[in-house]
Amino acid sequence: MNFFATSTGFFGVSPSTDQLIVLNLAAILVGTTFNAPQKVLKWGGVVVAVITSTCAIWCTNH
């Protein structure tokens, strides 16, 4: 029950609106580029989405 009373979420992360926007845009990027015939576009979109999502969640902005 203490887990629900804390301000942090799963893995100690409490996502803000900006982080959720970045995650949604990353999902759109993967959804639009994953069926591309060129492997550079396909895997490039996945790599960019993973990097931006990871940074949006765990990088701190001062």
Protein backbone atom coordinates (compact mmCIF):
# COMPACT_ATOMS: atom_id res chain seq x y z
CA MET A 1 0.00 0.00 0.00
CA ASN A 2 2.94 2.29 0.55
CA PHE A 3 3.78 2.02 -3.15
CA PHE A 4 0.59 3.87 -4.10
CA ALA A 5 1.18 6.65 -1.56
CA THR A 6 4.58 7.64 -2.94
CA SER A 7 5.04 10.31 -5.59
CA THR A 8 7.28 8.14 -7.75
CA GLY A 9 5.99 5.52 -10.10
CA PHE A 10 7.39 2.38 -11.64
CA PHE A 11 11.22 2.22 -11.45
CA GLY A 12 11.20 5.45 -9.43
CA VAL A 13 9.85 7.50 -12.35
CA SER A 14 6.85 9.80 -12.20
CA PRO A 15 6.24 10.94 -15.77
CA SER A 16 5.38 14.55 -16.49
CA THR A 17 3.28 15.80 -19.37
CA ASP A 18 6.38 16.61 -21.42
CA GLN A 19 7.71 13.09 -20.95
CA LEU A 20 4.40 11.57 -22.01
CA ILE A 21 4.37 13.75 -25.14
CA VAL A 22 7.87 12.54 -26.05
CA LEU A 23 6.83 8.91 -25.53
CA ASN A 24 3.76 9.37 -27.73
CA LEU A 25 5.81 11.01 -30.48
CA ALA A 26 8.34 8.18 -30.27
CA ALA A 27 5.53 5.65 -30.66
CA ILE A 28 4.26 7.53 -33.72
CA LEU A 29 7.79 7.56 -35.18
CA VAL A 30 8.15 3.81 -34.75
CA GLY A 31 4.68 3.20 -36.13
CA THR A 32 5.33 5.19 -39.29
CA THR A 33 8.89 4.04 -40.03
CA PHE A 34 8.85 0.37 -39.03
CA ASN A 35 7.24 -0.80 -42.28
CA ALA A 36 9.62 1.21 -44.45
CA PRO A 37 11.29 -0.78 -47.23
CA GLN A 38 14.71 0.74 -46.47
CA LYS A 39 16.42 -0.76 -43.43
CA VAL A 40 18.04 2.58 -42.60
CA LEU A 41 14.66 4.24 -42.15
CA LYS A 42 13.19 1.24 -40.33
CA TRP A 43 15.90 0.77 -37.73
CA GLY A 44 16.87 4.44 -37.63
CA GLY A 45 13.36 5.31 -36.45
CA VAL A 46 13.51 2.63 -33.78
CA VAL A 47 16.93 3.76 -32.54
CA VAL A 48 15.92 7.44 -32.41
CA ALA A 49 12.69 6.57 -30.60
CA VAL A 50 14.48 4.45 -27.99
CA ILE A 51 17.14 7.07 -27.34
CA THR A 52 14.72 9.98 -27.04
CA SER A 53 12.34 7.98 -24.85
CA THR A 54 15.12 6.91 -22.52
CA CYS A 55 16.48 10.43 -22.25
CA ALA A 56 13.02 11.91 -21.72
CA ILE A 57 12.41 9.56 -18.80
CA TRP A 58 15.76 9.42 -17.02
CA CYS A 59 17.69 12.56 -18.04
CA THR A 60 17.21 15.56 -15.79
CA ASN A 61 16.66 19.05 -17.12
CA HIS A 62 18.04 21.84 -15.00
